[in-house]
PDB file of N, CA and C in Angstrom:
ATOM      1  N   MET A   1       0.838  -1.178   0.000  1.00  0.00           N
ATOM      2  CA  MET A   1       0.000   0.000   0.000  1.00  0.00           C
ATOM      3  C   MET A   1       0.884   1.242   0.000  1.00  0.00           C
ATOM      4  N   SER A   2       0.553   2.213  -0.819  1.00  0.00           N
ATOM      5  CA  SER A   2       1.350   3.430  -0.883  1.00  0.00           C
ATOM      6  C   SER A   2       0.899   4.428   0.170  1.00  0.00           C
ATOM      7  N   GLU A   3       1.801   5.306   0.519  1.00  0.00           N
ATOM      8  CA  GLU A   3       1.495   6.387   1.439  1.00  0.00           C
ATOM      9  C   GLU A   3       0.946   7.564   0.644  1.00  0.00           C
ATOM     10  N   TYR A   4       0.130   8.372   1.277  1.00  0.00           N
ATOM     11  CA  TYR A   4      -0.346   9.602   0.655  1.00  0.00           C
ATOM     12  C   TYR A   4      -0.199  10.703   1.684  1.00  0.00           C
ATOM     13  N   GLN A   5       0.468  11.775   1.310  1.00  0.00           N
ATOM     14  CA  GLN A   5       0.615  12.934   2.179  1.00  0.00           C
ATOM     15  C   GLN A   5       0.298  14.183   1.369  1.00  0.00           C
ATOM     16  N   TYR A   6      -0.468  15.077   1.956  1.00  0.00           N
ATOM     17  CA  TYR A   6      -0.864  16.326   1.312  1.00  0.00           C
ATOM     18  C   TYR A   6      -0.388  17.488   2.174  1.00  0.00           C
ATOM     19  N   TYR A   7       0.326  18.412   1.556  1.00  0.00           N
ATOM     20  CA  TYR A   7       0.825  19.605   2.232  1.00  0.00           C
ATOM     21  C   TYR A   7       0.287  20.838   1.532  1.00  0.00           C
ATOM     22  N   GLU A   8      -0.259  21.765   2.302  1.00  0.00           N
ATOM     23  CA  GLU A   8      -0.670  23.050   1.747  1.00  0.00           C
ATOM     24  C   GLU A   8      -0.271  24.143   2.719  1.00  0.00           C
ATOM     25  N   PHE A   9       0.469  25.104   2.218  1.00  0.00           N
ATOM     26  CA  PHE A   9       0.908  26.260   2.988  1.00  0.00           C
ATOM     27  C   PHE A   9       0.305  27.502   2.347  1.00  0.00           C
ATOM     28  N   ALA A  10      -0.137  28.476   3.156  1.00  0.00           N
ATOM     29  CA  ALA A  10      -0.725  29.705   2.626  1.00  0.00           C
ATOM     30  C   ALA A  10       0.028  30.919   3.159  1.00  0.00           C
ATOM     31  N   ALA A  11       0.328  31.834   2.253  1.00  0.00           N
ATOM     32  CA  ALA A  11       0.929  33.124   2.612  1.00  0.00           C
ATOM     33  C   ALA A  11      -0.201  34.152   2.574  1.00  0.00           C
ATOM     34  N   ILE A  12      -0.665  34.561   3.726  1.00  0.00           N
ATOM     35  CA  ILE A  12      -1.835  35.426   3.823  1.00  0.00           C
ATOM     36  C   ILE A  12      -1.451  36.886   4.035  1.00  0.00           C
ATOM     37  N   ASP A  13      -0.599  37.151   4.999  1.00  0.00           N
ATOM     38  CA  ASP A  13      -0.236  38.521   5.340  1.00  0.00           C
ATOM     39  C   ASP A  13       0.668  39.184   4.308  1.00  0.00           C
ATOM     40  N   GLN A  14       1.509  38.402   3.664  1.00  0.00           N
ATOM     41  CA  GLN A  14       2.449  38.941   2.686  1.00  0.00           C
ATOM     42  C   GLN A  14       2.720  37.889   1.624  1.00  0.00           C
ATOM     43  N   PRO A  15       2.627  38.259   0.348  1.00  0.00           N
ATOM     44  CA  PRO A  15       2.872  37.266  -0.705  1.00  0.00           C
ATOM     45  C   PRO A  15       4.338  36.845  -0.753  1.00  0.00           C
ATOM     46  N   LEU A  16       4.564  35.653  -1.275  1.00  0.00           N
ATOM     47  CA  LEU A  16       5.929  35.171  -1.462  1.00  0.00           C
ATOM     48  C   LEU A  16       6.619  35.986  -2.558  1.00  0.00           C
ATOM     49  N   THR A  17       7.888  36.249  -2.378  1.00  0.00           N
ATOM     50  CA  THR A  17       8.673  36.939  -3.404  1.00  0.00           C
ATOM     51  C   THR A  17       9.172  35.912  -4.415  1.00  0.00           C
ATOM     52  N   ARG A  18       9.712  36.395  -5.528  1.00  0.00           N
ATOM     53  CA  ARG A  18      10.306  35.478  -6.514  1.00  0.00           C
ATOM     54  C   ARG A  18      11.448  34.683  -5.887  1.00  0.00           C
ATOM     55  N   SER A  19      12.217  35.335  -5.036  1.00  0.00           N
ATOM     56  CA  SER A  19      13.320  34.655  -4.347  1.00  0.00           C
ATOM     57  C   SER A  19      12.795  33.558  -3.426  1.00  0.00           C
ATOM     58  N   ASP A  20      11.741  33.859  -2.673  1.00  0.00           N
ATOM     59  CA  ASP A  20      11.120  32.856  -1.795  1.00  0.00           C
ATOM     60  C   ASP A  20      10.640  31.661  -2.617  1.00  0.00           C
ATOM     61  N   MET A  21       9.955  31.945  -3.731  1.00  0.00           N
ATOM     62  CA  MET A  21       9.415  30.869  -4.558  1.00  0.00           C
ATOM     63  C   MET A  21      10.542  30.020  -5.155  1.00  0.00           C
ATOM     64  N   ALA A  22      11.660  30.633  -5.498  1.00  0.00           N
ATOM     65  CA  ALA A  22      12.807  29.878  -6.022  1.00  0.00           C
ATOM     66  C   ALA A  22      13.371  28.951  -4.954  1.00  0.00           C
ATOM     67  N   LYS A  23      13.428  29.418  -3.707  1.00  0.00           N
ATOM     68  CA  LYS A  23      13.925  28.581  -2.609  1.00  0.00           C
ATOM     69  C   LYS A  23      12.989  27.400  -2.363  1.00  0.00           C
ATOM     70  N   LEU A  24      11.693  27.630  -2.450  1.00  0.00           N
ATOM     71  CA  LEU A  24      10.725  26.553  -2.274  1.00  0.00           C
ATOM     72  C   LEU A  24      10.793  25.570  -3.447  1.00  0.00           C
ATOM     73  N   ARG A  25      10.987  26.090  -4.645  1.00  0.00           N
ATOM     74  CA  ARG A  25      11.098  25.232  -5.828  1.00  0.00           C
ATOM     75  C   ARG A  25      12.303  24.307  -5.722  1.00  0.00           C
ATOM     76  N   ALA A  26      13.361  24.755  -5.077  1.00  0.00           N
ATOM     77  CA  ALA A  26      14.552  23.917  -4.893  1.00  0.00           C
ATOM     78  C   ALA A  26      14.244  22.695  -4.032  1.00  0.00           C
ATOM     79  N   VAL A  27      13.216  22.789  -3.197  1.00  0.00           N
ATOM     80  CA  VAL A  27      12.818  21.671  -2.341  1.00  0.00           C
ATOM     81  C   VAL A  27      11.901  20.708  -3.082  1.00  0.00           C
ATOM     82  N   SER A  28      11.034  21.234  -3.951  1.00  0.00           N
ATOM     83  CA  SER A  28      10.076  20.389  -4.659  1.00  0.00           C
ATOM     84  C   SER A  28       9.882  20.879  -6.091  1.00  0.00           C
ATOM     85  N   THR A  29      10.166  20.015  -7.040  1.00  0.00           N
ATOM     86  CA  THR A  29      10.003  20.374  -8.445  1.00  0.00           C
ATOM     87  C   THR A  29       8.578  20.168  -8.933  1.00  0.00           C
ATOM     88  N   ARG A  30       7.754  19.431  -8.191  1.00  0.00           N
ATOM     89  CA  ARG A  30       6.386  19.129  -8.621  1.00  0.00           C
ATOM     90  C   ARG A  30       5.322  19.994  -7.950  1.00  0.00           C
ATOM     91  N   ALA A  31       5.682  20.742  -6.962  1.00  0.00           N
ATOM     92  CA  ALA A  31       4.697  21.517  -6.205  1.00  0.00           C
ATOM     93  C   ALA A  31       4.090  22.640  -7.044  1.00  0.00           C
ATOM     94  N   GLU A  32       2.872  23.014  -6.680  1.00  0.00           N
ATOM     95  CA  GLU A  32       2.259  24.216  -7.236  1.00  0.00           C
ATOM     96  C   GLU A  32       2.656  25.359  -6.296  1.00  0.00           C
ATOM     97  N   ILE A  33       3.456  26.277  -6.807  1.00  0.00           N
ATOM     98  CA  ILE A  33       3.963  27.380  -5.999  1.00  0.00           C
ATOM     99  C   ILE A  33       3.519  28.689  -6.645  1.00  0.00           C
ATOM    100  N   THR A  34       2.832  29.510  -5.846  1.00  0.00           N
ATOM    101  CA  THR A  34       2.367  30.820  -6.292  1.00  0.00           C
ATOM    102  C   THR A  34       2.742  31.832  -5.208  1.00  0.00           C
ATOM    103  N   PRO A  35       2.572  33.127  -5.479  1.00  0.00           N
ATOM    104  CA  PRO A  35       2.813  34.106  -4.412  1.00  0.00           C
ATOM    105  C   PRO A  35       1.926  33.886  -3.181  1.00  0.00           C
ATOM    106  N   ALA A  36       0.816  33.164  -3.353  1.00  0.00           N
ATOM    107  CA  ALA A  36      -0.112  32.918  -2.240  1.00  0.00           C
ATOM    108  C   ALA A  36       0.128  31.609  -1.511  1.00  0.00           C
ATOM    109  N   GLY A  37       0.999  30.727  -2.040  1.00  0.00           N
ATOM    110  CA  GLY A  37       1.201  29.488  -1.308  1.00  0.00           C
ATOM    111  C   GLY A  37       1.937  28.389  -2.048  1.00  0.00           C
ATOM    112  N   PHE A  38       1.963  27.247  -1.389  1.00  0.00           N
ATOM    113  CA  PHE A  38       2.658  26.040  -1.842  1.00  0.00           C
ATOM    114  C   PHE A  38       1.727  24.868  -1.598  1.00  0.00           C
ATOM    115  N   VAL A  39       1.503  24.047  -2.630  1.00  0.00           N
ATOM    116  CA  VAL A  39       0.660  22.854  -2.493  1.00  0.00           C
ATOM    117  C   VAL A  39       1.368  21.692  -3.164  1.00  0.00           C
ATOM    118  N   ASN A  40       1.434  20.571  -2.480  1.00  0.00           N
ATOM    119  CA  ASN A  40       1.995  19.368  -3.075  1.00  0.00           C
ATOM    120  C   ASN A  40       1.470  18.142  -2.338  1.00  0.00           C
ATOM    121  N   HIS A  41       1.434  17.036  -3.061  1.00  0.00           N
ATOM    122  CA  HIS A  41       1.100  15.768  -2.424  1.00  0.00           C
ATOM    123  C   HIS A  41       2.168  14.755  -2.805  1.00  0.00           C
ATOM    124  N   TYR A  42       2.345  13.799  -1.952  1.00  0.00           N
ATOM    125  CA  TYR A  42       3.354  12.765  -2.130  1.00  0.00           C
ATOM    126  C   TYR A  42       2.685  11.405  -1.981  1.00  0.00           C
ATOM    127  N   GLU A  43       3.036  10.497  -2.855  1.00  0.00           N
ATOM    128  CA  GLU A  43       2.559   9.129  -2.747  1.00  0.00           C
ATOM    129  C   GLU A  43       3.690   8.186  -2.351  1.00  0.00           C
ATOM    130  N   TRP A  44       4.899   8.598  -2.585  1.00  0.00           N
ATOM    131  CA  TRP A  44       6.099   7.859  -2.175  1.00  0.00           C
ATOM    132  C   TRP A  44       7.072   8.908  -1.676  1.00  0.00           C
ATOM    133  N   GLY A  45       7.421   8.874  -0.424  1.00  0.00           N
ATOM    134  CA  GLY A  45       8.327   9.881   0.120  1.00  0.00           C
ATOM    135  C   GLY A  45       7.554  10.951   0.856  1.00  0.00           C
ATOM    136  N   CYS A  46       8.257  12.044   1.137  1.00  0.00           N
ATOM    137  CA  CYS A  46       7.631  13.132   1.880  1.00  0.00           C
ATOM    138  C   CYS A  46       8.345  14.447   1.591  1.00  0.00           C
ATOM    139  N   LEU A  47       7.835  15.512   2.150  1.00  0.00           N
ATOM    140  CA  LEU A  47       8.411  16.837   1.988  1.00  0.00           C
ATOM    141  C   LEU A  47       9.826  16.845   2.546  1.00  0.00           C
ATOM    142  N   LYS A  48      10.752  17.377   1.782  1.00  0.00           N
ATOM    143  CA  LYS A  48      12.163  17.410   2.183  1.00  0.00           C
ATOM    144  C   LYS A  48      12.500  18.721   2.889  1.00  0.00           C
ATOM    145  N   ALA A  49      11.616  19.143   3.767  1.00  0.00           N
ATOM    146  CA  ALA A  49      11.803  20.366   4.541  1.00  0.00           C
ATOM    147  C   ALA A  49      11.035  20.223   5.847  1.00  0.00           C
ATOM    148  N   ASN A  50      11.338  21.086   6.786  1.00  0.00           N
ATOM    149  CA  ASN A  50      10.646  21.083   8.068  1.00  0.00           C
ATOM    150  C   ASN A  50       9.496  22.088   8.006  1.00  0.00           C
ATOM    151  N   PRO A  51       8.239  21.638   8.083  1.00  0.00           N
ATOM    152  CA  PRO A  51       7.105  22.557   8.016  1.00  0.00           C
ATOM    153  C   PRO A  51       7.163  23.681   9.056  1.00  0.00           C
ATOM    154  N   SER A  52       7.687  23.406  10.230  1.00  0.00           N
ATOM    155  CA  SER A  52       7.790  24.448  11.260  1.00  0.00           C
ATOM    156  C   SER A  52       8.714  25.573  10.817  1.00  0.00           C
ATOM    157  N   ASP A  53       9.816  25.214  10.173  1.00  0.00           N
ATOM    158  CA  ASP A  53      10.739  26.237   9.656  1.00  0.00           C
ATOM    159  C   ASP A  53      10.055  27.085   8.586  1.00  0.00           C
ATOM    160  N   TRP A  54       9.319  26.427   7.697  1.00  0.00           N
ATOM    161  CA  TRP A  54       8.613  27.164   6.638  1.00  0.00           C
ATOM    162  C   TRP A  54       7.555  28.093   7.227  1.00  0.00           C
ATOM    163  N   MET A  55       6.887  27.658   8.281  1.00  0.00           N
ATOM    164  CA  MET A  55       5.874  28.509   8.908  1.00  0.00           C
ATOM    165  C   MET A  55       6.514  29.758   9.514  1.00  0.00           C
ATOM    166  N   ARG A  56       7.660  29.602  10.124  1.00  0.00           N
ATOM    167  CA  ARG A  56       8.352  30.766  10.698  1.00  0.00           C
ATOM    168  C   ARG A  56       8.848  31.722   9.612  1.00  0.00           C
ATOM    169  N   ARG A  57       9.255  31.176   8.486  1.00  0.00           N
ATOM    170  CA  ARG A  57       9.923  31.975   7.471  1.00  0.00           C
ATOM    171  C   ARG A  57       8.997  32.533   6.383  1.00  0.00           C
ATOM    172  N   TYR A  58       8.062  31.708   5.881  1.00  0.00           N
ATOM    173  CA  TYR A  58       7.316  32.095   4.690  1.00  0.00           C
ATOM    174  C   TYR A  58       5.796  32.193   4.837  1.00  0.00           C
ATOM    175  N   PHE A  59       5.195  31.397   5.699  1.00  0.00           N
ATOM    176  CA  PHE A  59       3.751  31.179   5.625  1.00  0.00           C
ATOM    177  C   PHE A  59       3.004  31.543   6.900  1.00  0.00           C
ATOM    178  N   ASP A  60       1.677  31.664   6.732  1.00  0.00           N
ATOM    179  CA  ASP A  60       0.789  32.012   7.843  1.00  0.00           C
ATOM    180  C   ASP A  60      -0.147  30.875   8.236  1.00  0.00           C
ATOM    181  N   ALA A  61      -0.379  29.928   7.335  1.00  0.00           N
ATOM    182  CA  ALA A  61      -1.286  28.808   7.616  1.00  0.00           C
ATOM    183  C   ALA A  61      -0.749  27.549   6.953  1.00  0.00           C
ATOM    184  N   PHE A  62      -1.100  26.390   7.542  1.00  0.00           N
ATOM    185  CA  PHE A  62      -0.569  25.114   7.077  1.00  0.00           C
ATOM    186  C   PHE A  62      -1.606  24.025   7.275  1.00  0.00           C
ATOM    187  N   VAL A  63      -1.805  23.200   6.241  1.00  0.00           N
ATOM    188  CA  VAL A  63      -2.695  22.037   6.324  1.00  0.00           C
ATOM    189  C   VAL A  63      -1.889  20.808   5.921  1.00  0.00           C
ATOM    190  N   TYR A  64      -2.010  19.772   6.709  1.00  0.00           N
ATOM    191  CA  TYR A  64      -1.332  18.511   6.404  1.00  0.00           C
ATOM    192  C   TYR A  64      -2.303  17.377   6.660  1.00  0.00           C
ATOM    193  N   THR A  65      -2.356  16.451   5.734  1.00  0.00           N
ATOM    194  CA  THR A  65      -3.134  15.233   5.953  1.00  0.00           C
ATOM    195  C   THR A  65      -2.383  14.070   5.309  1.00  0.00           C
ATOM    196  N   ALA A  66      -2.627  12.899   5.829  1.00  0.00           N
ATOM    197  CA  ALA A  66      -1.936  11.706   5.322  1.00  0.00           C
ATOM    198  C   ALA A  66      -2.894  10.528   5.355  1.00  0.00           C
ATOM    199  N   SER A  67      -2.523   9.494   4.610  1.00  0.00           N
ATOM    200  CA  SER A  67      -3.378   8.314   4.547  1.00  0.00           C
ATOM    201  C   SER A  67      -3.506   7.610   5.885  1.00  0.00           C
ATOM    202  N   TRP A  68      -2.606   7.909   6.817  1.00  0.00           N
ATOM    203  CA  TRP A  68      -2.713   7.306   8.148  1.00  0.00           C
ATOM    204  C   TRP A  68      -3.407   8.250   9.131  1.00  0.00           C
ATOM    205  N   CYS A  69      -4.111   9.246   8.588  1.00  0.00           N
ATOM    206  CA  CYS A  69      -5.032  10.119   9.348  1.00  0.00           C
ATOM    207  C   CYS A  69      -4.356  10.997  10.390  1.00  0.00           C
ATOM    208  N   SER A  70      -3.195  11.511  10.118  1.00  0.00           N
ATOM    209  CA  SER A  70      -2.595  12.449  11.092  1.00  0.00           C
ATOM    210  C   SER A  70      -2.825  13.874  10.662  1.00  0.00           C
TER     211      SER A  70
END
């Protein structure tokens, strides 16, 4: 059985800059990255970053769900 993980980060107070988006793109080549946020899902593997660090640095809100219901 494969794993499924969904990550969504939202930049509400301030949009992401081009530099911010480039740094996020370096972590994930498949993610949907806009000035308003980052969205990606994984079926094998996981996000190669610490969500807490991203929340401190770039984002205002975060949603995570996985096939094991966490």
